[in-house]
């Protein structure tokens, strides 16, 4: 027999009004009690009627997630963490891969509005902030993994600048003074911040990063390989590369192998993200780790705050990055 709201209330020792408030994210109910009621709902397999909720202007218990490419391990892991946290709170997630294309973003946003999702998490690039500004005025929204300073919206990011500094510090400690960088599109704030932190730490050690040693890439392995090959063919070939995501680092490893350059004996490679790719490459990648599980969970939690009746102050959460040392970096010989 299907569980009812009365069953949930009885199990939790509360009134049905309290259960209803938890379901609809209303009222001043403690976080512990909310978690307890959601846990009982999951155990009894209770599902509020999405159709009835939508028709009465209440919650549909669905969230939208826009990411550039689900095939990218970073976004796949973030999407999984969003799904896990949403599931804990009784929400389903609609995942949309946009390829960072404006027309696809507009199409998906229209579909998500039609489905009356309760909120949208934006992890994709937007060439125009007007789209995000309009969205944030009509639908609860959170930006994840990137920043849009010109729009008042909740934001969850990793501390990219600090991560860039960590990468430079590691290479400097291993004696590297001739370094190159593969960076994803500099129109993305997170890319600029990683590069800024890296450059700052090099400058403090009086190490120059020539413009010729900086290569801007798309977010695909093939482009990382192509751009790394240019750097490795130079007369003043770098002894180390900082790759601003794991896909670019994999491309750099492929370029080094084809050029007969040994990693890490002749070339150190340090990456950013620390997805599953960092563990399965040969050699495994030293990487700046983003807390992907925490990024996704924090984005969902910020959306939950938006579902209250009172306007919320827009928050920026910057999560700490850390250095994970593996076999792709070594001291200069």
C-alpha atoms as a PDB file:
ATOM      1  CA  UNK A   1       0.000   0.000   0.000  1.00  0.00           C
ATOM      2  CA  UNK A   2       1.298   3.433  -0.947  1.00  0.00           C
ATOM      3  CA  UNK A   3       2.597   5.613   1.911  1.00  0.00           C
ATOM      4  CA  UNK A   4       0.683   8.827   2.636  1.00  0.00           C
ATOM      5  CA  UNK A   5       1.580  12.095   4.280  1.00  0.00           C
ATOM      6  CA  UNK A   6      -0.171  10.786   7.416  1.00  0.00           C
ATOM      7  CA  UNK A   7       2.250   7.834   7.537  1.00  0.00           C
ATOM      8  CA  UNK A   8       5.219  10.191   7.339  1.00  0.00           C
ATOM      9  CA  UNK A   9       3.842  12.403  10.115  1.00  0.00           C
ATOM     10  CA  UNK A  10       3.183   9.419  12.378  1.00  0.00           C
ATOM     11  CA  UNK A  11       6.685   7.967  11.856  1.00  0.00           C
ATOM     12  CA  UNK A  12       8.332  11.347  12.507  1.00  0.00           C
ATOM     13  CA  UNK A  13       6.125  12.185  15.487  1.00  0.00           C
ATOM     14  CA  UNK A  14       5.009  15.484  13.975  1.00  0.00           C
ATOM     15  CA  UNK A  15       1.844  16.958  12.508  1.00  0.00           C
ATOM     16  CA  UNK A  16       0.954  16.630   8.832  1.00  0.00           C
ATOM     17  CA  UNK A  17       1.297  20.422   8.659  1.00  0.00           C
ATOM     18  CA  UNK A  18       4.960  20.073   9.627  1.00  0.00           C
ATOM     19  CA  UNK A  19       5.529  17.411   6.964  1.00  0.00           C
ATOM     20  CA  UNK A  20       3.843  19.651   4.399  1.00  0.00           C
ATOM     21  CA  UNK A  21       6.108  22.563   5.370  1.00  0.00           C
ATOM     22  CA  UNK A  22       9.188  20.381   4.984  1.00  0.00           C
ATOM     23  CA  UNK A  23       8.021  19.157   1.573  1.00  0.00           C
ATOM     24  CA  UNK A  24       7.370  22.714   0.411  1.00  0.00           C
ATOM     25  CA  UNK A  25      10.427  24.220   2.131  1.00  0.00           C
ATOM     26  CA  UNK A  26       8.399  26.490   4.374  1.00  0.00           C
ATOM     27  CA  UNK A  27       8.384  27.284   8.054  1.00  0.00           C
ATOM     28  CA  UNK A  28      11.130  27.446  10.674  1.00  0.00           C
ATOM     29  CA  UNK A  29      11.963  23.760  11.020  1.00  0.00           C
ATOM     30  CA  UNK A  30      15.417  22.630  12.114  1.00  0.00           C
ATOM     31  CA  UNK A  31      17.796  21.102   9.578  1.00  0.00           C
ATOM     32  CA  UNK A  32      17.982  17.900  11.651  1.00  0.00           C
ATOM     33  CA  UNK A  33      14.205  17.486  11.661  1.00  0.00           C
ATOM     34  CA  UNK A  34      14.032  18.179   7.925  1.00  0.00           C
ATOM     35  CA  UNK A  35      16.678  15.512   7.267  1.00  0.00           C
ATOM     36  CA  UNK A  36      14.820  13.054   9.498  1.00  0.00           C
ATOM     37  CA  UNK A  37      11.533  13.612   7.644  1.00  0.00           C
ATOM     38  CA  UNK A  38      13.205  13.299   4.232  1.00  0.00           C
ATOM     39  CA  UNK A  39      14.867  10.066   5.397  1.00  0.00           C
ATOM     40  CA  UNK A  40      11.472   8.658   6.448  1.00  0.00           C
ATOM     41  CA  UNK A  41       9.990   9.695   3.105  1.00  0.00           C
ATOM     42  CA  UNK A  42      12.771   7.844   1.290  1.00  0.00           C
ATOM     43  CA  UNK A  43      12.448   4.740   3.493  1.00  0.00           C
ATOM     44  CA  UNK A  44       8.685   4.570   2.968  1.00  0.00           C
ATOM     45  CA  UNK A  45       9.098   5.480  -0.717  1.00  0.00           C
ATOM     46  CA  UNK A  46       6.736   8.410  -0.343  1.00  0.00           C
ATOM     47  CA  UNK A  47       6.529  10.733  -3.339  1.00  0.00           C
ATOM     48  CA  UNK A  48       4.400  13.910  -3.323  1.00  0.00           C
ATOM     49  CA  UNK A  49       2.289  14.332  -6.435  1.00  0.00           C
ATOM     50  CA  UNK A  50       4.400  16.334  -8.889  1.00  0.00           C
ATOM     51  CA  UNK A  51       1.435  16.960 -11.162  1.00  0.00           C
ATOM     52  CA  UNK A  52      -0.771  18.287  -8.370  1.00  0.00           C
ATOM     53  CA  UNK A  53       2.066  20.463  -7.093  1.00  0.00           C
ATOM     54  CA  UNK A  54       2.668  21.958 -10.539  1.00  0.00           C
ATOM     55  CA  UNK A  55      -1.016  22.660 -11.096  1.00  0.00           C
ATOM     56  CA  UNK A  56      -1.297  24.478  -7.765  1.00  0.00           C
ATOM     57  CA  UNK A  57       1.853  26.517  -8.365  1.00  0.00           C
ATOM     58  CA  UNK A  58       3.878  24.587  -5.797  1.00  0.00           C
ATOM     59  CA  UNK A  59       7.052  22.575  -6.154  1.00  0.00           C
ATOM     60  CA  UNK A  60       7.554  20.053  -8.961  1.00  0.00           C
ATOM     61  CA  UNK A  61      10.571  18.562  -7.148  1.00  0.00           C
ATOM     62  CA  UNK A  62      12.730  18.832 -10.240  1.00  0.00           C
ATOM     63  CA  UNK A  63      15.907  20.838 -10.793  1.00  0.00           C
ATOM     64  CA  UNK A  64      17.691  21.663 -14.024  1.00  0.00           C
ATOM     65  CA  UNK A  65      21.469  21.363 -14.451  1.00  0.00           C
ATOM     66  CA  UNK A  66      23.205  22.936 -17.457  1.00  0.00           C
ATOM     67  CA  UNK A  67      26.768  21.752 -18.128  1.00  0.00           C
ATOM     68  CA  UNK A  68      28.975  22.026 -21.223  1.00  0.00           C
ATOM     69  CA  UNK A  69      29.608  18.321 -21.792  1.00  0.00           C
ATOM     70  CA  UNK A  70      28.591  15.272 -19.750  1.00  0.00           C
ATOM     71  CA  UNK A  71      31.500  13.389 -21.380  1.00  0.00           C
ATOM     72  CA  UNK A  72      33.951  15.681 -19.559  1.00  0.00           C
ATOM     73  CA  UNK A  73      34.825  13.768 -16.336  1.00  0.00           C
ATOM     74  CA  UNK A  74      34.791  16.953 -14.244  1.00  0.00           C
ATOM     75  CA  UNK A  75      31.216  17.823 -15.197  1.00  0.00           C
ATOM     76  CA  UNK A  76      30.162  14.183 -14.974  1.00  0.00           C
ATOM     77  CA  UNK A  77      31.374  14.016 -11.374  1.00  0.00           C
ATOM     78  CA  UNK A  78      29.760  17.353 -10.502  1.00  0.00           C
ATOM     79  CA  UNK A  79      26.488  16.177 -12.093  1.00  0.00           C
ATOM     80  CA  UNK A  80      26.620  13.006 -10.009  1.00  0.00           C
ATOM     81  CA  UNK A  81      27.071  15.009  -6.805  1.00  0.00           C
ATOM     82  CA  UNK A  82      24.121  17.260  -7.761  1.00  0.00           C
ATOM     83  CA  UNK A  83      22.012  14.150  -8.388  1.00  0.00           C
ATOM     84  CA  UNK A  84      23.058  12.552  -5.094  1.00  0.00           C
ATOM     85  CA  UNK A  85      22.274  15.647  -3.039  1.00  0.00           C
ATOM     86  CA  UNK A  86      19.025  16.282  -4.909  1.00  0.00           C
ATOM     87  CA  UNK A  87      17.948  12.681  -4.346  1.00  0.00           C
ATOM     88  CA  UNK A  88      18.607  13.024  -0.614  1.00  0.00           C
ATOM     89  CA  UNK A  89      16.181  15.960  -0.579  1.00  0.00           C
ATOM     90  CA  UNK A  90      13.535  14.337  -2.764  1.00  0.00           C
ATOM     91  CA  UNK A  91      14.402  16.038  -6.068  1.00  0.00           C
ATOM     92  CA  UNK A  92      14.960  14.706  -9.580  1.00  0.00           C
ATOM     93  CA  UNK A  93      17.600  16.321 -11.809  1.00  0.00           C
ATOM     94  CA  UNK A  94      17.266  17.107 -15.518  1.00  0.00           C
ATOM     95  CA  UNK A  95      20.803  17.257 -16.974  1.00  0.00           C
ATOM     96  CA  UNK A  96      21.403  19.271 -20.153  1.00  0.00           C
ATOM     97  CA  UNK A  97      24.695  19.237 -22.129  1.00  0.00           C
ATOM     98  CA  UNK A  98      25.059  22.570 -23.925  1.00  0.00           C
ATOM     99  CA  UNK A  99      28.493  22.458 -25.623  1.00  0.00           C
ATOM    100  CA  UNK A 100      28.682  26.108 -24.455  1.00  0.00           C
ATOM    101  CA  UNK A 101      26.482  27.026 -27.447  1.00  0.00           C
ATOM    102  CA  UNK A 102      24.105  29.944 -26.903  1.00  0.00           C
ATOM    103  CA  UNK A 103      21.319  28.545 -29.061  1.00  0.00           C
ATOM    104  CA  UNK A 104      21.380  25.236 -27.189  1.00  0.00           C
ATOM    105  CA  UNK A 105      21.426  27.018 -23.830  1.00  0.00           C
ATOM    106  CA  UNK A 106      18.373  29.080 -24.842  1.00  0.00           C
ATOM    107  CA  UNK A 107      16.594  25.936 -26.037  1.00  0.00           C
ATOM    108  CA  UNK A 108      17.240  24.049 -22.800  1.00  0.00           C
ATOM    109  CA  UNK A 109      16.203  26.992 -20.633  1.00  0.00           C
ATOM    110  CA  UNK A 110      12.908  27.156 -22.517  1.00  0.00           C
ATOM    111  CA  UNK A 111      12.347  23.432 -21.975  1.00  0.00           C
ATOM    112  CA  UNK A 112      13.190  23.665 -18.253  1.00  0.00           C
ATOM    113  CA  UNK A 113      10.771  26.571 -17.792  1.00  0.00           C
ATOM    114  CA  UNK A 114       8.072  24.612 -19.624  1.00  0.00           C
ATOM    115  CA  UNK A 115       8.620  21.716 -17.236  1.00  0.00           C
ATOM    116  CA  UNK A 116       8.323  24.195 -14.335  1.00  0.00           C
ATOM    117  CA  UNK A 117      11.525  23.105 -12.632  1.00  0.00           C
ATOM    118  CA  UNK A 118      11.936  24.564  -9.163  1.00  0.00           C
ATOM    119  CA  UNK A 119      15.450  25.854  -9.811  1.00  0.00           C
ATOM    120  CA  UNK A 120      18.361  25.752 -12.255  1.00  0.00           C
ATOM    121  CA  UNK A 121      22.077  25.191 -11.686  1.00  0.00           C
ATOM    122  CA  UNK A 122      24.240  26.817 -14.369  1.00  0.00           C
ATOM    123  CA  UNK A 123      27.622  25.185 -14.986  1.00  0.00           C
ATOM    124  CA  UNK A 124      27.966  26.206 -18.623  1.00  0.00           C
ATOM    125  CA  UNK A 125      29.535  29.192 -20.322  1.00  0.00           C
ATOM    126  CA  UNK A 126      27.319  32.108 -21.324  1.00  0.00           C
ATOM    127  CA  UNK A 127      28.507  34.579 -23.943  1.00  0.00           C
ATOM    128  CA  UNK A 128      25.872  37.052 -22.730  1.00  0.00           C
ATOM    129  CA  UNK A 129      25.132  37.715 -19.061  1.00  0.00           C
ATOM    130  CA  UNK A 130      21.708  39.089 -20.024  1.00  0.00           C
ATOM    131  CA  UNK A 131      20.352  35.542 -20.291  1.00  0.00           C
ATOM    132  CA  UNK A 132      21.495  34.722 -16.763  1.00  0.00           C
ATOM    133  CA  UNK A 133      20.250  38.052 -15.429  1.00  0.00           C
ATOM    134  CA  UNK A 134      16.787  37.455 -16.847  1.00  0.00           C
ATOM    135  CA  UNK A 135      16.759  33.865 -15.572  1.00  0.00           C
ATOM    136  CA  UNK A 136      17.781  34.830 -12.039  1.00  0.00           C
ATOM    137  CA  UNK A 137      14.891  37.305 -11.836  1.00  0.00           C
ATOM    138  CA  UNK A 138      12.284  34.672 -12.672  1.00  0.00           C
ATOM    139  CA  UNK A 139      13.713  31.338 -11.479  1.00  0.00           C
ATOM    140  CA  UNK A 140      15.902  30.392  -8.489  1.00  0.00           C
ATOM    141  CA  UNK A 141      19.381  29.899  -9.943  1.00  0.00           C
ATOM    142  CA  UNK A 142      22.907  29.031  -8.840  1.00  0.00           C
ATOM    143  CA  UNK A 143      26.075  29.302 -10.915  1.00  0.00           C
ATOM    144  CA  UNK A 144      28.589  26.512 -10.309  1.00  0.00           C
ATOM    145  CA  UNK A 145      32.251  26.180 -11.302  1.00  0.00           C
ATOM    146  CA  UNK A 146      32.490  29.669 -12.790  1.00  0.00           C
ATOM    147  CA  UNK A 147      31.725  33.252 -11.833  1.00  0.00           C
ATOM    148  CA  UNK A 148      29.541  35.954 -13.361  1.00  0.00           C
ATOM    149  CA  UNK A 149      30.365  39.075 -11.289  1.00  0.00           C
ATOM    150  CA  UNK A 150      27.966  41.316 -13.215  1.00  0.00           C
ATOM    151  CA  UNK A 151      24.883  39.291 -12.207  1.00  0.00           C
ATOM    152  CA  UNK A 152      23.483  39.029  -8.684  1.00  0.00           C
ATOM    153  CA  UNK A 153      23.233  35.265  -8.292  1.00  0.00           C
ATOM    154  CA  UNK A 154      24.378  32.535  -5.897  1.00  0.00           C
ATOM    155  CA  UNK A 155      27.792  31.164  -6.905  1.00  0.00           C
ATOM    156  CA  UNK A 156      29.755  28.045  -5.890  1.00  0.00           C
ATOM    157  CA  UNK A 157      33.340  27.782  -7.111  1.00  0.00           C
ATOM    158  CA  UNK A 158      36.642  26.231  -6.223  1.00  0.00           C
ATOM    159  CA  UNK A 159      39.383  28.645  -5.155  1.00  0.00           C
ATOM    160  CA  UNK A 160      40.961  28.753  -8.607  1.00  0.00           C
ATOM    161  CA  UNK A 161      43.516  31.447  -7.861  1.00  0.00           C
ATOM    162  CA  UNK A 162      44.825  29.568  -4.832  1.00  0.00           C
ATOM    163  CA  UNK A 163      44.967  26.382  -6.921  1.00  0.00           C
ATOM    164  CA  UNK A 164      47.080  28.155  -9.525  1.00  0.00           C
ATOM    165  CA  UNK A 165      49.457  29.282  -6.799  1.00  0.00           C
ATOM    166  CA  UNK A 166      49.715  25.727  -5.478  1.00  0.00           C
ATOM    167  CA  UNK A 167      50.629  24.459  -8.945  1.00  0.00           C
ATOM    168  CA  UNK A 168      53.376  27.065  -9.351  1.00  0.00           C
ATOM    169  CA  UNK A 169      54.690  26.416  -5.843  1.00  0.00           C
ATOM    170  CA  UNK A 170      55.018  22.693  -6.558  1.00  0.00           C
ATOM    171  CA  UNK A 171      56.916  23.255  -9.796  1.00  0.00           C
ATOM    172  CA  UNK A 172      59.194  25.873  -8.232  1.00  0.00           C
ATOM    173  CA  UNK A 173      59.960  23.548  -5.315  1.00  0.00           C
ATOM    174  CA  UNK A 174      61.097  20.967  -7.877  1.00  0.00           C
ATOM    175  CA  UNK A 175      63.490  23.443  -9.488  1.00  0.00           C
ATOM    176  CA  UNK A 176      61.476  24.300 -12.602  1.00  0.00           C
ATOM    177  CA  UNK A 177      62.123  27.757 -14.005  1.00  0.00           C
ATOM    178  CA  UNK A 178      61.165  27.240 -17.655  1.00  0.00           C
ATOM    179  CA  UNK A 179      57.451  26.491 -17.650  1.00  0.00           C
ATOM    180  CA  UNK A 180      54.545  26.507 -20.072  1.00  0.00           C
ATOM    181  CA  UNK A 181      50.775  26.722 -19.585  1.00  0.00           C
ATOM    182  CA  UNK A 182      47.817  25.202 -21.397  1.00  0.00           C
ATOM    183  CA  UNK A 183      44.757  27.207 -20.367  1.00  0.00           C
ATOM    184  CA  UNK A 184      41.117  26.778 -21.325  1.00  0.00           C
ATOM    185  CA  UNK A 185      39.433  29.773 -22.954  1.00  0.00           C
ATOM    186  CA  UNK A 186      40.456  32.959 -21.147  1.00  0.00           C
ATOM    187  CA  UNK A 187      36.935  34.314 -21.509  1.00  0.00           C
ATOM    188  CA  UNK A 188      36.048  32.004 -18.605  1.00  0.00           C
ATOM    189  CA  UNK A 189      36.714  33.607 -15.205  1.00  0.00           C
ATOM    190  CA  UNK A 190      37.901  30.355 -13.592  1.00  0.00           C
ATOM    191  CA  UNK A 191      40.561  29.947 -16.305  1.00  0.00           C
ATOM    192  CA  UNK A 192      41.797  33.499 -15.782  1.00  0.00           C
ATOM    193  CA  UNK A 193      41.935  33.008 -12.017  1.00  0.00           C
ATOM    194  CA  UNK A 194      43.978  29.796 -12.288  1.00  0.00           C
ATOM    195  CA  UNK A 195      46.413  31.547 -14.591  1.00  0.00           C
ATOM    196  CA  UNK A 196      46.518  34.632 -12.359  1.00  0.00           C
ATOM    197  CA  UNK A 197      47.433  32.613  -9.272  1.00  0.00           C
ATOM    198  CA  UNK A 198      50.072  30.680 -11.203  1.00  0.00           C
ATOM    199  CA  UNK A 199      51.635  33.852 -12.595  1.00  0.00           C
ATOM    200  CA  UNK A 200      51.592  35.588  -9.216  1.00  0.00           C
ATOM    201  CA  UNK A 201      53.570  32.821  -7.540  1.00  0.00           C
ATOM    202  CA  UNK A 202      56.062  32.668 -10.406  1.00  0.00           C
ATOM    203  CA  UNK A 203      56.557  36.443 -10.221  1.00  0.00           C
ATOM    204  CA  UNK A 204      57.230  36.236  -6.501  1.00  0.00           C
ATOM    205  CA  UNK A 205      60.058  33.810  -7.327  1.00  0.00           C
ATOM    206  CA  UNK A 206      61.204  36.134 -10.138  1.00  0.00           C
ATOM    207  CA  UNK A 207      60.362  33.562 -12.796  1.00  0.00           C
ATOM    208  CA  UNK A 208      58.943  34.853 -16.072  1.00  0.00           C
ATOM    209  CA  UNK A 209      56.099  33.242 -18.006  1.00  0.00           C
ATOM    210  CA  UNK A 210      56.604  34.396 -21.609  1.00  0.00           C
ATOM    211  CA  UNK A 211      53.513  34.887 -23.740  1.00  0.00           C
ATOM    212  CA  UNK A 212      54.942  32.354 -26.196  1.00  0.00           C
ATOM    213  CA  UNK A 213      54.778  29.731 -23.418  1.00  0.00           C
ATOM    214  CA  UNK A 214      51.050  30.347 -22.847  1.00  0.00           C
ATOM    215  CA  UNK A 215      48.621  28.464 -25.085  1.00  0.00           C
ATOM    216  CA  UNK A 216      44.855  29.037 -25.025  1.00  0.00           C
ATOM    217  CA  UNK A 217      42.852  25.895 -25.795  1.00  0.00           C
ATOM    218  CA  UNK A 218      39.356  24.557 -26.155  1.00  0.00           C
ATOM    219  CA  UNK A 219      38.364  22.034 -23.478  1.00  0.00           C
ATOM    220  CA  UNK A 220      39.109  18.972 -25.621  1.00  0.00           C
ATOM    221  CA  UNK A 221      41.990  16.482 -25.373  1.00  0.00           C
ATOM    222  CA  UNK A 222      42.872  16.955 -29.049  1.00  0.00           C
ATOM    223  CA  UNK A 223      43.449  20.683 -28.604  1.00  0.00           C
ATOM    224  CA  UNK A 224      45.615  20.113 -25.520  1.00  0.00           C
ATOM    225  CA  UNK A 225      47.708  17.690 -27.537  1.00  0.00           C
ATOM    226  CA  UNK A 226      48.056  20.096 -30.459  1.00  0.00           C
ATOM    227  CA  UNK A 227      49.018  23.083 -28.322  1.00  0.00           C
ATOM    228  CA  UNK A 228      51.434  21.056 -26.174  1.00  0.00           C
ATOM    229  CA  UNK A 229      53.137  19.785 -29.332  1.00  0.00           C
ATOM    230  CA  UNK A 230      53.892  23.408 -30.318  1.00  0.00           C
ATOM    231  CA  UNK A 231      55.547  24.068 -26.945  1.00  0.00           C
ATOM    232  CA  UNK A 232      57.557  20.834 -27.034  1.00  0.00           C
ATOM    233  CA  UNK A 233      58.865  21.631 -30.521  1.00  0.00           C
ATOM    234  CA  UNK A 234      60.345  24.966 -29.394  1.00  0.00           C
ATOM    235  CA  UNK A 235      64.090  25.393 -29.019  1.00  0.00           C
ATOM    236  CA  UNK A 236      63.602  26.544 -25.419  1.00  0.00           C
ATOM    237  CA  UNK A 237      61.243  23.691 -24.590  1.00  0.00           C
ATOM    238  CA  UNK A 238      59.712  24.013 -21.096  1.00  0.00           C
ATOM    239  CA  UNK A 239      60.724  21.562 -18.392  1.00  0.00           C
ATOM    240  CA  UNK A 240      57.199  21.686 -16.924  1.00  0.00           C
ATOM    241  CA  UNK A 241      53.630  22.292 -18.085  1.00  0.00           C
ATOM    242  CA  UNK A 242      50.695  23.541 -16.032  1.00  0.00           C
ATOM    243  CA  UNK A 243      47.484  22.303 -17.663  1.00  0.00           C
ATOM    244  CA  UNK A 244      44.354  24.077 -16.439  1.00  0.00           C
ATOM    245  CA  UNK A 245      42.163  20.949 -16.605  1.00  0.00           C
ATOM    246  CA  UNK A 246      42.631  17.181 -16.819  1.00  0.00           C
ATOM    247  CA  UNK A 247      41.593  16.920 -20.479  1.00  0.00           C
ATOM    248  CA  UNK A 248      44.364  19.303 -21.533  1.00  0.00           C
ATOM    249  CA  UNK A 249      46.830  17.364 -19.379  1.00  0.00           C
ATOM    250  CA  UNK A 250      45.902  14.094 -21.085  1.00  0.00           C
ATOM    251  CA  UNK A 251      46.521  15.801 -24.427  1.00  0.00           C
ATOM    252  CA  UNK A 252      49.906  17.022 -23.170  1.00  0.00           C
ATOM    253  CA  UNK A 253      50.846  13.473 -22.129  1.00  0.00           C
ATOM    254  CA  UNK A 254      49.967  12.219 -25.613  1.00  0.00           C
ATOM    255  CA  UNK A 255      52.028  14.986 -27.253  1.00  0.00           C
ATOM    256  CA  UNK A 256      55.026  14.195 -25.039  1.00  0.00           C
ATOM    257  CA  UNK A 257      54.808  10.483 -25.851  1.00  0.00           C
ATOM    258  CA  UNK A 258      54.690  11.153 -29.605  1.00  0.00           C
ATOM    259  CA  UNK A 259      57.619  13.578 -29.332  1.00  0.00           C
ATOM    260  CA  UNK A 260      59.700  11.032 -27.406  1.00  0.00           C
ATOM    261  CA  UNK A 261      59.755  13.259 -24.296  1.00  0.00           C
ATOM    262  CA  UNK A 262      59.784  11.279 -21.059  1.00  0.00           C
ATOM    263  CA  UNK A 263      57.325  12.305 -18.338  1.00  0.00           C
ATOM    264  CA  UNK A 264      58.423  13.178 -15.669  1.00  0.00           C
ATOM    265  CA  UNK A 265      62.184  12.780 -16.325  1.00  0.00           C
ATOM    266  CA  UNK A 266      62.280  15.327 -19.159  1.00  0.00           C
ATOM    267  CA  UNK A 267      58.933  17.065 -18.655  1.00  0.00           C
ATOM    268  CA  UNK A 268      56.777  17.507 -15.554  1.00  0.00           C
ATOM    269  CA  UNK A 269      53.016  17.892 -16.070  1.00  0.00           C
ATOM    270  CA  UNK A 270      50.659  19.207 -13.393  1.00  0.00           C
ATOM    271  CA  UNK A 271      46.909  19.341 -13.974  1.00  0.00           C
ATOM    272  CA  UNK A 272      43.829  20.989 -12.457  1.00  0.00           C
ATOM    273  CA  UNK A 273      40.579  19.188 -11.465  1.00  0.00           C
ATOM    274  CA  UNK A 274      41.724  15.737 -10.236  1.00  0.00           C
ATOM    275  CA  UNK A 275      38.983  13.757 -11.940  1.00  0.00           C
ATOM    276  CA  UNK A 276      39.181  10.003 -12.442  1.00  0.00           C
ATOM    277  CA  UNK A 277      41.420  10.703 -15.460  1.00  0.00           C
ATOM    278  CA  UNK A 278      44.230  11.823 -13.148  1.00  0.00           C
ATOM    279  CA  UNK A 279      44.437   8.334 -11.645  1.00  0.00           C
ATOM    280  CA  UNK A 280      44.288   6.273 -14.831  1.00  0.00           C
ATOM    281  CA  UNK A 281      46.843   8.037 -17.044  1.00  0.00           C
ATOM    282  CA  UNK A 282      50.402   6.756 -17.476  1.00  0.00           C
ATOM    283  CA  UNK A 283      51.991   8.192 -15.442  1.00  0.00           C
ATOM    284  CA  UNK A 284      49.210   9.262 -13.042  1.00  0.00           C
ATOM    285  CA  UNK A 285      48.803  13.025 -12.944  1.00  0.00           C
ATOM    286  CA  UNK A 286      49.894  15.339 -10.186  1.00  0.00           C
ATOM    287  CA  UNK A 287      46.831  17.568  -9.905  1.00  0.00           C
ATOM    288  CA  UNK A 288      45.180  20.457  -8.119  1.00  0.00           C
ATOM    289  CA  UNK A 289      42.029  18.824  -6.749  1.00  0.00           C
ATOM    290  CA  UNK A 290      38.654  20.520  -6.893  1.00  0.00           C
ATOM    291  CA  UNK A 291      36.145  19.306  -4.276  1.00  0.00           C
ATOM    292  CA  UNK A 292      33.632  18.157  -6.896  1.00  0.00           C
ATOM    293  CA  UNK A 293      31.245  16.402  -4.509  1.00  0.00           C
ATOM    294  CA  UNK A 294      31.073  19.478  -2.284  1.00  0.00           C
ATOM    295  CA  UNK A 295      30.585  21.789  -5.289  1.00  0.00           C
ATOM    296  CA  UNK A 296      27.469  19.939  -6.407  1.00  0.00           C
ATOM    297  CA  UNK A 297      26.005  19.524  -2.930  1.00  0.00           C
ATOM    298  CA  UNK A 298      26.574  23.191  -2.041  1.00  0.00           C
ATOM    299  CA  UNK A 299      24.822  24.320  -5.238  1.00  0.00           C
ATOM    300  CA  UNK A 300      21.735  22.251  -4.405  1.00  0.00           C
ATOM    301  CA  UNK A 301      21.702  23.531  -0.817  1.00  0.00           C
ATOM    302  CA  UNK A 302      21.815  27.142  -2.042  1.00  0.00           C
ATOM    303  CA  UNK A 303      18.810  26.455  -4.264  1.00  0.00           C
ATOM    304  CA  UNK A 304      16.944  25.108  -1.241  1.00  0.00           C
ATOM    305  CA  UNK A 305      17.529  28.449   0.484  1.00  0.00           C
ATOM    306  CA  UNK A 306      15.992  30.210  -2.507  1.00  0.00           C
ATOM    307  CA  UNK A 307      12.752  28.289  -2.119  1.00  0.00           C
ATOM    308  CA  UNK A 308      11.777  30.191   1.031  1.00  0.00           C
ATOM    309  CA  UNK A 309       9.416  33.142   0.857  1.00  0.00           C
ATOM    310  CA  UNK A 310      11.897  35.729   2.102  1.00  0.00           C
ATOM    311  CA  UNK A 311      14.474  37.135  -0.370  1.00  0.00           C
ATOM    312  CA  UNK A 312      17.930  35.712   0.305  1.00  0.00           C
ATOM    313  CA  UNK A 313      21.252  37.521   0.164  1.00  0.00           C
ATOM    314  CA  UNK A 314      23.193  36.127  -2.780  1.00  0.00           C
ATOM    315  CA  UNK A 315      26.156  34.147  -1.557  1.00  0.00           C
ATOM    316  CA  UNK A 316      29.531  33.260  -3.057  1.00  0.00           C
ATOM    317  CA  UNK A 317      31.027  30.019  -1.747  1.00  0.00           C
ATOM    318  CA  UNK A 318      34.694  29.386  -2.634  1.00  0.00           C
ATOM    319  CA  UNK A 319      35.861  25.889  -1.707  1.00  0.00           C
ATOM    320  CA  UNK A 320      39.531  25.173  -1.040  1.00  0.00           C
ATOM    321  CA  UNK A 321      41.625  23.354  -3.606  1.00  0.00           C
ATOM    322  CA  UNK A 322      44.535  21.053  -2.689  1.00  0.00           C
ATOM    323  CA  UNK A 323      47.649  19.576  -4.274  1.00  0.00           C
ATOM    324  CA  UNK A 324      47.689  15.833  -4.964  1.00  0.00           C
ATOM    325  CA  UNK A 325      51.209  14.673  -5.882  1.00  0.00           C
ATOM    326  CA  UNK A 326      51.524  11.713  -8.240  1.00  0.00           C
ATOM    327  CA  UNK A 327      54.120  10.474 -10.744  1.00  0.00           C
ATOM    328  CA  UNK A 328      53.819  13.071 -13.526  1.00  0.00           C
ATOM    329  CA  UNK A 329      56.059  15.643 -11.794  1.00  0.00           C
ATOM    330  CA  UNK A 330      59.640  15.372 -10.600  1.00  0.00           C
ATOM    331  CA  UNK A 331      62.650  17.547  -9.830  1.00  0.00           C
ATOM    332  CA  UNK A 332      64.647  19.046 -12.692  1.00  0.00           C
ATOM    333  CA  UNK A 333      67.636  16.832 -13.498  1.00  0.00           C
END
